[in-house]
Amino acid sequence: MSDAINPLITEQLDALLYEETNLVANLANASALLMQTLTDVNWTGFYLYQKASDDLILGPFQGNVACVHIENGSGVCGTALATQTVQRVPDVHQFAGHIACDSASNSEVVVPLTLADGTQLGVMDIDSPSLDRFTVADQAVLEEFARVLLKHIDKV
């Protein structure tokens, strides 16, 4: 079993993004922090919502090359966007409509990102090569991580 995600990662993110308002820079550093801090993950990053095309487009990430466009409602990321709920998937191969961008990924957690004014920013996506990598406690830490990230992005 992998180590639990340390809740201190949210404080690290808050310090890392202190007084920075650039969206791309903040997302890039957030994905790097996730990749460097979490164990047993193979992809950490963001997909950004494109209202005009009603889909997600690849944003800053760490890991192997990834799918560029994901339709709203498709796969784990599109489902998180469409339902505005966290998707914690213990086995992506059992998720109907899973989009296999990286065949090494076996479990995934996706957190929707919505700004304070209700604007959908996109999703934060974290993949693992292990089955059932993410616990309920990990999900709670990642949801708090997303809240801290959005607090900095809302200043833009």
C-alpha atoms as a PDB file:
ATOM      1  CA  MET A   1       0.000   0.000   0.000  1.00  0.00           C
ATOM      2  CA  SER A   2       1.300   3.447  -0.874  1.00  0.00           C
ATOM      3  CA  ASP A   3       1.940   6.117   1.689  1.00  0.00           C
ATOM      4  CA  ALA A   4      -0.968   8.381   2.466  1.00  0.00           C
ATOM      5  CA  ILE A   5      -0.808  11.858   0.990  1.00  0.00           C
ATOM      6  CA  ASN A   6       0.639  14.189   3.609  1.00  0.00           C
ATOM      7  CA  PRO A   7      -1.775  17.048   4.381  1.00  0.00           C
ATOM      8  CA  LEU A   8       1.208  19.417   4.654  1.00  0.00           C
ATOM      9  CA  ILE A   9       1.251  19.489   0.847  1.00  0.00           C
ATOM     10  CA  THR A  10      -1.506  22.123   1.011  1.00  0.00           C
ATOM     11  CA  GLU A  11       0.666  24.404   3.148  1.00  0.00           C
ATOM     12  CA  GLN A  12       3.572  23.833   0.756  1.00  0.00           C
ATOM     13  CA  LEU A  13       1.339  24.846  -2.151  1.00  0.00           C
ATOM     14  CA  ASP A  14       0.123  27.953  -0.345  1.00  0.00           C
ATOM     15  CA  ALA A  15       3.734  29.056   0.272  1.00  0.00           C
ATOM     16  CA  LEU A  16       4.825  28.154  -3.255  1.00  0.00           C
ATOM     17  CA  LEU A  17       2.100  30.263  -4.852  1.00  0.00           C
ATOM     18  CA  TYR A  18       2.441  33.211  -2.459  1.00  0.00           C
ATOM     19  CA  GLU A  19       1.849  36.474  -4.372  1.00  0.00           C
ATOM     20  CA  GLU A  20       1.958  34.710  -7.763  1.00  0.00           C
ATOM     21  CA  THR A  21      -1.069  35.372  -9.965  1.00  0.00           C
ATOM     22  CA  ASN A  22      -0.132  33.785 -13.299  1.00  0.00           C
ATOM     23  CA  LEU A  23      -2.475  30.886 -14.033  1.00  0.00           C
ATOM     24  CA  VAL A  24      -0.024  28.811 -16.081  1.00  0.00           C
ATOM     25  CA  ALA A  25       2.813  29.301 -13.596  1.00  0.00           C
ATOM     26  CA  ASN A  26       0.588  28.335 -10.660  1.00  0.00           C
ATOM     27  CA  LEU A  27      -0.758  25.226 -12.391  1.00  0.00           C
ATOM     28  CA  ALA A  28       2.742  24.212 -13.530  1.00  0.00           C
ATOM     29  CA  ASN A  29       4.159  24.515 -10.025  1.00  0.00           C
ATOM     30  CA  ALA A  30       1.151  22.756  -8.509  1.00  0.00           C
ATOM     31  CA  SER A  31       1.564  19.786 -10.871  1.00  0.00           C
ATOM     32  CA  ALA A  32       5.309  19.653 -10.154  1.00  0.00           C
ATOM     33  CA  LEU A  33       4.683  19.750  -6.390  1.00  0.00           C
ATOM     34  CA  LEU A  34       2.204  16.882  -6.686  1.00  0.00           C
ATOM     35  CA  MET A  35       4.607  14.798  -8.776  1.00  0.00           C
ATOM     36  CA  GLN A  36       7.567  15.428  -6.478  1.00  0.00           C
ATOM     37  CA  THR A  37       5.638  14.878  -3.243  1.00  0.00           C
ATOM     38  CA  LEU A  38       3.218  12.035  -3.934  1.00  0.00           C
ATOM     39  CA  THR A  39       4.384   8.442  -4.069  1.00  0.00           C
ATOM     40  CA  ASP A  40       3.213   5.882  -6.588  1.00  0.00           C
ATOM     41  CA  VAL A  41       1.839   8.309  -9.163  1.00  0.00           C
ATOM     42  CA  ASN A  42       2.705   8.519 -12.853  1.00  0.00           C
ATOM     43  CA  TRP A  43       0.780  11.625 -13.968  1.00  0.00           C
ATOM     44  CA  THR A  44      -0.260  14.833 -12.222  1.00  0.00           C
ATOM     45  CA  GLY A  45      -1.787  17.772 -13.967  1.00  0.00           C
ATOM     46  CA  PHE A  46      -4.665  19.833 -15.159  1.00  0.00           C
ATOM     47  CA  TYR A  47      -7.206  19.958 -17.939  1.00  0.00           C
ATOM     48  CA  LEU A  48      -8.765  23.369 -18.563  1.00  0.00           C
ATOM     49  CA  TYR A  49     -12.378  23.869 -19.549  1.00  0.00           C
ATOM     50  CA  GLN A  50     -13.012  25.520 -22.916  1.00  0.00           C
ATOM     51  CA  LYS A  51     -16.534  26.939 -22.855  1.00  0.00           C
ATOM     52  CA  ALA A  52     -16.689  27.611 -26.613  1.00  0.00           C
ATOM     53  CA  SER A  53     -16.071  23.954 -27.487  1.00  0.00           C
ATOM     54  CA  ASP A  54     -17.512  22.552 -24.218  1.00  0.00           C
ATOM     55  CA  ASP A  55     -14.484  20.343 -23.662  1.00  0.00           C
ATOM     56  CA  LEU A  56     -11.292  20.066 -21.666  1.00  0.00           C
ATOM     57  CA  ILE A  57      -7.887  20.874 -23.111  1.00  0.00           C
ATOM     58  CA  LEU A  58      -4.575  19.729 -21.721  1.00  0.00           C
ATOM     59  CA  GLY A  59      -2.955  22.164 -19.297  1.00  0.00           C
ATOM     60  CA  PRO A  60       0.279  22.054 -17.288  1.00  0.00           C
ATOM     61  CA  PHE A  61       1.238  18.551 -16.181  1.00  0.00           C
ATOM     62  CA  GLN A  62       4.025  16.188 -15.143  1.00  0.00           C
ATOM     63  CA  GLY A  63       4.241  12.720 -16.702  1.00  0.00           C
ATOM     64  CA  ASN A  64       4.018  11.032 -20.070  1.00  0.00           C
ATOM     65  CA  VAL A  65       2.437  12.737 -23.053  1.00  0.00           C
ATOM     66  CA  ALA A  66      -1.319  12.979 -22.636  1.00  0.00           C
ATOM     67  CA  CYS A  67      -4.601  13.314 -24.464  1.00  0.00           C
ATOM     68  CA  VAL A  68      -5.090  16.895 -25.605  1.00  0.00           C
ATOM     69  CA  HIS A  69      -8.906  17.147 -25.800  1.00  0.00           C
ATOM     70  CA  ILE A  70     -11.463  15.415 -23.585  1.00  0.00           C
ATOM     71  CA  GLU A  71     -15.166  15.878 -24.226  1.00  0.00           C
ATOM     72  CA  ASN A  72     -17.339  17.140 -21.387  1.00  0.00           C
ATOM     73  CA  GLY A  73     -18.864  14.024 -19.810  1.00  0.00           C
ATOM     74  CA  SER A  74     -16.329  11.595 -21.336  1.00  0.00           C
ATOM     75  CA  GLY A  75     -13.903   9.513 -19.330  1.00  0.00           C
ATOM     76  CA  VAL A  76     -13.012  10.168 -15.713  1.00  0.00           C
ATOM     77  CA  CYS A  77     -11.987  13.801 -16.291  1.00  0.00           C
ATOM     78  CA  GLY A  78     -15.038  14.661 -18.382  1.00  0.00           C
ATOM     79  CA  THR A  79     -17.312  12.982 -15.838  1.00  0.00           C
ATOM     80  CA  ALA A  80     -15.776  15.024 -12.999  1.00  0.00           C
ATOM     81  CA  LEU A  81     -16.372  18.181 -15.027  1.00  0.00           C
ATOM     82  CA  ALA A  82     -19.944  17.293 -16.005  1.00  0.00           C
ATOM     83  CA  THR A  83     -21.019  16.192 -12.533  1.00  0.00           C
ATOM     84  CA  GLN A  84     -18.832  18.646 -10.586  1.00  0.00           C
ATOM     85  CA  THR A  85     -17.957  15.796  -8.235  1.00  0.00           C
ATOM     86  CA  VAL A  86     -14.646  14.200  -7.353  1.00  0.00           C
ATOM     87  CA  GLN A  87     -14.061  10.961  -9.221  1.00  0.00           C
ATOM     88  CA  ARG A  88     -11.923   8.509  -7.216  1.00  0.00           C
ATOM     89  CA  VAL A  89     -11.546   5.431  -9.372  1.00  0.00           C
ATOM     90  CA  PRO A  90      -9.803   2.378  -7.844  1.00  0.00           C
ATOM     91  CA  ASP A  91      -9.580   0.587 -11.214  1.00  0.00           C
ATOM     92  CA  VAL A  92      -9.863   2.737 -14.333  1.00  0.00           C
ATOM     93  CA  HIS A  93     -10.358  -0.374 -16.473  1.00  0.00           C
ATOM     94  CA  GLN A  94     -13.735  -0.845 -14.743  1.00  0.00           C
ATOM     95  CA  PHE A  95     -14.815   2.762 -15.427  1.00  0.00           C
ATOM     96  CA  ALA A  96     -17.226   2.850 -18.357  1.00  0.00           C
ATOM     97  CA  GLY A  97     -15.813   5.097 -21.070  1.00  0.00           C
ATOM     98  CA  HIS A  98     -12.357   5.451 -19.513  1.00  0.00           C
ATOM     99  CA  ILE A  99      -9.948   7.217 -21.856  1.00  0.00           C
ATOM    100  CA  ALA A 100      -6.569   5.482 -21.729  1.00  0.00           C
ATOM    101  CA  CYS A 101      -4.071   8.262 -22.360  1.00  0.00           C
ATOM    102  CA  ASP A 102      -1.360   6.282 -20.535  1.00  0.00           C
ATOM    103  CA  SER A 103      -1.715   2.496 -20.530  1.00  0.00           C
ATOM    104  CA  ALA A 104       0.353   2.353 -17.302  1.00  0.00           C
ATOM    105  CA  SER A 105      -2.399   4.098 -15.303  1.00  0.00           C
ATOM    106  CA  ASN A 106      -4.597   1.833 -13.209  1.00  0.00           C
ATOM    107  CA  SER A 107      -6.258   4.162 -10.707  1.00  0.00           C
ATOM    108  CA  GLU A 108      -7.117   7.828 -10.816  1.00  0.00           C
ATOM    109  CA  VAL A 109      -8.540  10.712  -8.842  1.00  0.00           C
ATOM    110  CA  VAL A 110      -9.986  13.791 -10.546  1.00  0.00           C
ATOM    111  CA  VAL A 111     -11.049  16.929  -8.683  1.00  0.00           C
ATOM    112  CA  PRO A 112     -13.216  19.532 -10.450  1.00  0.00           C
ATOM    113  CA  LEU A 113     -11.906  23.095 -10.232  1.00  0.00           C
ATOM    114  CA  THR A 114     -14.536  25.816  -9.986  1.00  0.00           C
ATOM    115  CA  LEU A 115     -13.762  29.442  -9.173  1.00  0.00           C
ATOM    116  CA  ALA A 116     -15.632  31.321  -6.432  1.00  0.00           C
ATOM    117  CA  ASP A 117     -17.864  33.034  -9.021  1.00  0.00           C
ATOM    118  CA  GLY A 118     -18.967  29.630 -10.366  1.00  0.00           C
ATOM    119  CA  THR A 119     -16.735  29.647 -13.445  1.00  0.00           C
ATOM    120  CA  GLN A 120     -15.558  26.155 -14.314  1.00  0.00           C
ATOM    121  CA  LEU A 121     -11.778  26.251 -14.603  1.00  0.00           C
ATOM    122  CA  GLY A 122     -11.328  22.552 -15.368  1.00  0.00           C
ATOM    123  CA  VAL A 123     -10.053  19.551 -13.415  1.00  0.00           C
ATOM    124  CA  MET A 124      -7.015  18.358 -11.498  1.00  0.00           C
ATOM    125  CA  ASP A 125      -6.091  14.824 -12.552  1.00  0.00           C
ATOM    126  CA  ILE A 126      -3.754  12.409 -10.758  1.00  0.00           C
ATOM    127  CA  ASP A 127      -3.019   8.894 -12.032  1.00  0.00           C
ATOM    128  CA  SER A 128      -1.261   5.924 -10.463  1.00  0.00           C
ATOM    129  CA  PRO A 129       0.124   2.721 -11.934  1.00  0.00           C
ATOM    130  CA  SER A 130      -1.270   0.857  -8.877  1.00  0.00           C
ATOM    131  CA  LEU A 131      -4.833  -0.285  -8.418  1.00  0.00           C
ATOM    132  CA  ASP A 132      -6.778   1.390  -5.613  1.00  0.00           C
ATOM    133  CA  ARG A 133      -3.976   3.900  -4.932  1.00  0.00           C
ATOM    134  CA  PHE A 134      -6.132   6.716  -3.562  1.00  0.00           C
ATOM    135  CA  THR A 135      -7.977   6.525  -0.240  1.00  0.00           C
ATOM    136  CA  VAL A 136     -10.852   8.620   1.076  1.00  0.00           C
ATOM    137  CA  ALA A 137      -8.275  10.457   3.225  1.00  0.00           C
ATOM    138  CA  ASP A 138      -6.120  11.117   0.132  1.00  0.00           C
ATOM    139  CA  GLN A 139      -9.173  12.494  -1.646  1.00  0.00           C
ATOM    140  CA  ALA A 140      -9.824  14.897   1.236  1.00  0.00           C
ATOM    141  CA  VAL A 141      -6.230  16.179   1.087  1.00  0.00           C
ATOM    142  CA  LEU A 142      -6.454  16.637  -2.683  1.00  0.00           C
ATOM    143  CA  GLU A 143      -9.752  18.503  -2.360  1.00  0.00           C
ATOM    144  CA  GLU A 144      -8.087  20.863   0.141  1.00  0.00           C
ATOM    145  CA  PHE A 145      -5.102  21.185  -2.247  1.00  0.00           C
ATOM    146  CA  ALA A 146      -7.555  22.247  -4.966  1.00  0.00           C
ATOM    147  CA  ARG A 147      -9.195  24.807  -2.629  1.00  0.00           C
ATOM    148  CA  VAL A 148      -5.793  26.349  -1.835  1.00  0.00           C
ATOM    149  CA  LEU A 149      -4.908  26.420  -5.532  1.00  0.00           C
ATOM    150  CA  LEU A 150      -8.209  28.071  -6.440  1.00  0.00           C
ATOM    151  CA  LYS A 151      -7.718  30.680  -3.706  1.00  0.00           C
ATOM    152  CA  HIS A 152      -4.561  31.822  -5.515  1.00  0.00           C
ATOM    153  CA  ILE A 153      -6.133  31.608  -8.965  1.00  0.00           C
ATOM    154  CA  ASP A 154      -9.157  33.660  -7.881  1.00  0.00           C
ATOM    155  CA  LYS A 155      -6.784  36.582  -7.235  1.00  0.00           C
ATOM    156  CA  VAL A 156      -6.055  36.862 -10.956  1.00  0.00           C
END
